[in-house]
Protein backbone atom coordinates (compact mmCIF):
# COMPACT_ATOMS: atom_id res chain seq x y z
CA MET A 1 93.33 184.55 32.78
CA HIS A 2 96.52 186.01 32.28
CA ARG A 3 98.01 187.68 34.79
CA HIS A 4 97.86 191.21 32.84
CA ALA A 5 93.75 190.66 32.17
CA VAL A 6 93.21 190.60 35.96
CA VAL A 7 94.94 193.49 37.42
CA GLY A 8 92.80 194.99 34.52
CA VAL A 9 90.02 193.84 35.61
CA ARG A 10 90.64 194.26 39.66
CA LYS A 11 91.44 198.24 38.34
CA SER A 12 88.51 198.34 37.10
CA GLN A 13 86.67 196.93 39.15
CA PHE A 14 87.88 199.43 41.97
CA GLU A 15 86.92 202.18 39.61
CA CYS A 16 83.58 201.16 40.13
CA LEU A 17 82.62 200.73 43.51
CA LYS A 18 82.56 204.22 43.04
CA SER A 19 80.34 204.91 40.43
CA LEU A 20 76.73 205.69 39.83
CA GLN A 21 77.44 201.98 38.37
CA ALA A 22 78.45 200.27 41.34
CA GLN A 23 74.19 200.90 42.93
CA LEU A 24 72.57 199.77 39.48
CA LEU A 25 74.17 196.76 39.82
CA ALA A 26 73.95 196.20 43.61
CA LYS A 27 69.69 196.98 43.29
CA GLU A 28 69.82 194.66 39.77
CA ILE A 29 70.95 192.18 42.23
CA ILE A 30 68.46 192.74 45.30
CA PHE A 31 65.61 192.53 42.61
CA SER A 32 66.58 189.43 41.42
CA LYS A 33 67.20 188.14 45.01
CA ILE A 34 63.76 189.59 45.60
CA ARG A 35 62.26 188.20 42.66
CA ASN A 36 63.55 184.83 42.86
CA GLN A 37 61.73 184.78 46.74
CA ARG A 38 58.57 186.02 45.04
CA ALA A 39 59.04 181.86 42.82
CA VAL A 40 60.20 179.58 45.50
CA LEU A 41 56.76 181.33 47.20
CA LEU A 42 55.00 180.92 43.77
CA TYR A 43 56.67 177.19 43.43
CA PHE A 44 55.49 175.94 46.49
CA SER A 45 51.69 177.55 46.71
CA LYS A 46 51.05 175.51 43.43
CA TYR A 47 51.40 172.67 45.42
CA LEU A 48 49.87 174.01 48.24
CA MET A 49 47.05 175.29 46.26
CA LYS A 50 45.18 171.54 45.66
CA ARG A 51 45.71 169.95 49.03
CA GLU A 52 45.80 173.11 51.48
CA THR A 53 44.21 175.88 49.66
CA ALA A 54 44.43 178.63 52.83
CA TYR A 55 48.50 178.38 52.90
CA GLY A 56 49.19 178.44 49.38
CA LEU A 57 46.81 181.20 49.25
CA LEU A 58 49.05 183.09 51.90
CA LEU A 59 51.78 182.15 50.16
CA ARG A 60 50.81 183.86 46.48
CA ASN A 61 49.94 187.17 49.00
CA ALA A 62 53.51 186.96 50.16
CA GLY A 63 55.12 186.49 46.27
CA THR A 64 52.68 189.83 45.92
CA ARG A 65 54.51 191.71 48.69
CA LEU A 66 57.32 190.99 47.56
CA GLU A 67 56.87 192.17 44.04
CA GLU A 68 56.01 195.19 45.32
CA ILE A 69 58.73 195.94 46.92
CA SER A 70 61.10 194.73 44.70
CA ASN A 71 59.13 197.54 42.39
CA LEU A 72 60.07 199.55 44.74
CA LEU A 73 64.00 199.77 44.17
CA ASN A 74 63.64 201.85 40.96
CA THR A 75 62.24 204.89 43.23
CA ARG A 76 63.23 204.81 46.84
CA ALA A 77 67.08 203.73 46.44
CA SER A 78 69.22 206.68 44.79
CA GLY A 79 71.29 209.10 46.53
CA PRO A 80 73.62 209.12 49.09
CA ASP A 81 71.53 207.17 50.91
CA TRP A 82 71.00 204.88 48.71
CA LYS A 83 72.72 201.47 50.11
CA ASN A 84 70.96 201.36 53.04
CA THR A 85 67.75 201.52 51.18
CA VAL A 86 68.32 198.64 49.40
CA MET A 87 69.26 197.01 52.04
CA GLY A 88 66.03 198.41 54.38
CA LEU A 89 63.97 197.23 51.44
CA GLU A 90 65.93 193.50 51.13
CA GLY A 91 64.71 192.76 55.02
CA SER A 92 61.57 193.70 54.47
CA ALA A 93 60.46 190.98 51.69
CA SER A 94 63.81 189.07 53.76
CA LEU A 95 61.05 189.51 56.90
CA ILE A 96 57.89 188.38 54.59
CA TYR A 97 59.67 185.79 52.86
CA TRP A 98 60.42 183.70 55.97
CA ASN A 99 56.70 184.67 57.97
CA ALA A 100 55.43 183.51 55.01
CA LEU A 101 57.65 180.02 55.34
CA LYS A 102 57.10 179.55 57.94
CA GLU A 103 52.73 180.07 58.46
CA ALA A 104 52.19 177.66 55.38
CA ARG A 105 54.35 174.97 57.45
CA LEU A 106 56.80 174.74 54.71
CA LEU A 107 59.10 174.76 57.94
CA PRO A 108 59.23 172.98 60.86
CA GLU A 109 57.68 174.60 64.44
CA THR A 110 61.15 174.88 65.43
CA PHE A 111 61.92 177.76 63.36
CA GLN A 112 60.99 181.45 64.41
CA GLU A 113 63.21 182.95 62.79
CA ARG A 114 66.59 183.43 60.44
CA GLU A 115 69.37 183.29 62.35
CA GLY A 116 72.91 183.00 60.81
CA ARG A 117 76.23 181.31 61.42
CA GLY A 118 76.50 179.71 64.39
CA SER A 119 72.99 179.22 65.15
CA THR A 120 71.72 175.92 66.49
CA GLU A 121 68.55 175.25 65.20
CA ILE A 122 68.06 172.69 62.47
CA THR A 123 66.16 174.75 59.82
CA ASN A 124 68.78 177.48 60.23
CA ALA A 125 71.89 175.25 60.41
CA ALA A 126 70.82 173.52 57.25
CA LEU A 127 70.27 177.00 55.37
CA ASN A 128 73.61 177.90 56.72
CA TYR A 129 75.24 174.71 55.63
CA GLY A 130 73.53 175.36 52.17
CA TYR A 131 74.76 178.28 52.02
CA ALA A 132 78.50 177.70 52.66
CA ILE A 133 78.17 174.98 49.93
CA LEU A 134 76.78 177.89 47.14
CA HIS A 135 79.64 180.59 48.52
CA SER A 136 82.29 178.14 46.55
CA TYR A 137 80.56 177.99 43.97
CA ILE A 138 80.36 181.87 43.28
CA GLN A 139 83.66 182.11 44.93
CA ASN A 140 85.28 180.07 42.19
CA ALA A 141 82.89 181.69 39.31
CA LEU A 142 84.13 185.63 40.73
CA GLY A 143 87.71 183.49 40.54
CA ASN A 144 87.91 183.07 36.98
CA ALA A 145 86.52 186.30 35.80
CA GLY A 146 89.20 187.57 37.57
CA LEU A 147 87.78 189.55 40.16
CA GLU A 148 88.79 190.13 43.39
CA ILE A 149 86.49 188.49 46.12
CA TYR A 150 87.19 190.88 49.03
CA ALA A 151 85.79 194.73 46.72
CA GLY A 152 81.76 193.79 47.15
CA LEU A 153 79.38 196.52 45.64
CA LEU A 154 76.83 196.38 48.53
CA HIS A 155 78.07 194.83 51.45
CA ALA A 156 80.52 196.22 53.66
CA ASP A 157 85.00 195.53 52.90
CA ARG A 158 85.66 194.05 55.78
CA ALA A 159 88.75 192.53 57.01
CA GLY A 160 88.95 188.64 55.73
CA LYS A 161 85.16 189.20 54.47
CA PRO A 162 84.57 187.94 50.43
CA SER A 163 82.17 190.56 50.37
CA LEU A 164 81.37 190.30 46.21
CA VAL A 165 80.75 187.28 47.16
CA LEU A 166 78.02 187.52 49.87
CA ASP A 167 76.67 190.09 47.18
CA CYS A 168 77.10 187.41 44.78
CA ILE A 169 74.90 184.76 46.37
CA GLU A 170 71.42 186.51 47.23
CA GLU A 171 70.10 185.53 43.40
CA TYR A 172 70.41 182.36 44.31
CA ARG A 173 70.07 181.06 47.63
CA ALA A 174 66.29 181.13 48.04
CA TRP A 175 66.19 178.72 44.79
CA VAL A 176 69.56 176.67 44.80
CA VAL A 177 69.63 176.31 48.93
CA ASP A 178 66.17 177.69 50.59
CA ARG A 179 64.08 174.83 47.74
CA ASN A 180 66.12 172.06 48.89
CA VAL A 181 66.47 172.87 52.88
CA ILE A 182 62.13 173.36 52.32
CA SER A 183 62.08 169.90 50.88
CA LEU A 184 63.94 168.53 54.01
CA ARG A 185 60.65 168.97 56.22
CA CYS A 186 60.26 165.85 57.14
CA LYS A 187 63.18 164.53 58.22
CA LEU A 188 64.23 168.45 60.03
CA GLY A 189 62.52 168.88 63.72
CA SER A 190 60.94 165.80 63.97
CA GLU A 191 62.84 162.80 63.62
CA GLN A 192 65.75 164.66 65.34
CA ASN A 193 67.06 168.12 65.78
CA PHE A 194 70.78 168.95 65.54
CA LEU A 195 72.20 168.43 61.58
CA ASP A 196 74.21 165.34 61.29
CA THR A 197 76.74 163.56 59.00
CA ALA A 198 73.54 161.82 56.82
CA LEU A 199 71.61 165.12 56.29
CA LYS A 200 74.96 166.87 55.20
CA LYS A 201 75.52 164.88 52.98
CA GLN A 202 72.28 165.12 51.22
CA LEU A 203 72.17 168.52 51.34
CA VAL A 204 74.99 168.63 49.85
CA GLU A 205 73.66 165.92 46.91
CA LEU A 206 70.52 167.96 46.91
CA ILE A 207 72.21 171.24 45.82
CA ASP A 208 75.14 169.38 43.40
CA LYS A 209 72.21 167.96 41.76
CA THR A 210 70.30 171.52 41.60
CA MET A 211 73.69 172.90 40.34
CA SER A 212 73.96 170.05 37.52
CA THR A 213 69.93 170.57 36.69
CA LYS A 214 69.08 171.93 32.89
CA ILE A 215 67.27 175.71 32.69
CA ASN A 216 66.31 178.08 30.26
CA TYR A 217 69.36 181.00 29.69
CA SER A 218 69.36 183.23 26.70
CA GLN A 219 68.13 181.09 25.02
CA LYS A 220 69.14 177.64 25.36
CA GLN A 221 69.38 174.89 28.04
CA CYS A 222 72.57 174.84 30.12
CA LYS A 223 73.28 173.54 33.49
CA LEU A 224 72.35 176.21 36.11
CA GLU A 225 76.39 175.84 37.19
CA ASN A 226 77.11 176.78 33.61
CA ALA A 227 74.23 179.90 34.03
CA LEU A 228 76.35 181.10 37.54
CA GLN A 229 79.57 181.41 35.58
CA ARG A 230 78.23 183.28 32.90
CA GLN A 231 75.64 185.58 34.65
CA VAL A 232 79.77 186.31 36.45
CA TYR A 233 81.64 187.36 33.50
CA LYS A 234 78.43 189.16 32.82
CA LEU A 235 78.74 191.20 35.80
CA ALA A 236 82.78 191.26 35.09
CA GLY A 237 81.47 192.61 31.70
CA ALA A 238 79.75 195.46 33.47
CA ILE A 239 81.83 196.27 35.51
CA VAL A 240 84.49 197.11 33.98
CA GLU A 241 83.05 198.10 30.44
CA GLY A 242 79.94 199.33 31.76
CA LYS A 243 77.58 197.21 29.68
CA ARG A 244 73.65 196.25 30.89
CA TYR A 245 73.41 193.21 33.83
CA ARG A 246 70.67 191.67 34.69
CA GLY A 247 70.16 189.58 36.93
CA ILE A 248 68.82 186.04 36.95
CA ARG A 249 65.25 185.01 37.63
CA PHE A 250 64.77 181.69 38.01
CA LYS A 251 61.23 180.53 37.02
CA TRP A 252 57.93 179.04 39.26
C-alpha cells in the first residue's frame, strides 16, 4: 500500500473513533466473539451427546445463554457508557463459557479460571501462547490494510498496547485457539504440568493448520488466513467509508 494511502486510512481511523460507527463496529466484534464461543460449545456438545449426554446438554444450555447475552448488545449497549456495557456483557459471556468448558471436563482439573499473561497453570499458559500466535496473524493483516494497530475501537489506548489488534483478535480466539487447546487436554495437566517446547511446537502446528483450513466465506472456499485478511480489509472499509461490517461467524 502506498504511503499516502496509509496516511488517508489512518486519518479516517482517528476520525471514526469519535463517531457512532466506532460503537457499531465494537459491538459487532464482541457479538461475533460471543457467537463463536457459542459455536465452540456446540461443536463439542455434538460429540459429547453421543457418550456423555449430561455434559453435552450442559454445553448446549450454556450456548443458549451466550446467544441471549449476545442479543443484549443491540438493546443495552448505547449511550455515553456503551463501552462499559459492552465489556460487561462480554465478561458475563466469557464467565459462562469457561465455566461450561470446565464443568463439562473439557479442560484439565488444574484449570480453575481464565488467567492472562504470566499464568503458570498449564492450560492458561497454552491459551496465552496460542493467543500470541494468533496476535501475529492479526497484526500482519492490519498492517496490510494500513490501519494503526495502537488505535482501538474498544480496548483502551495505552502506550505500547496494540489496542486494535486486541479488538480484532476477539472474533477468532475461541475457534482458532481455544478449540486446539481443548484438543490437547490429555497432555495438559495429566502427562505434565508445564508448557514445554514440544507442546508449544504442537500448538503452533495446530493453529497454523487451522489457519490453512478452507472455510466457506462469501459463498466461496478459501483458507481461514485469507478470510481473516479479507475481514480486515472490510473493517478498513467500514472505518474509512462507513460501510457495514459483519464479523466472521464459524459454523459448528
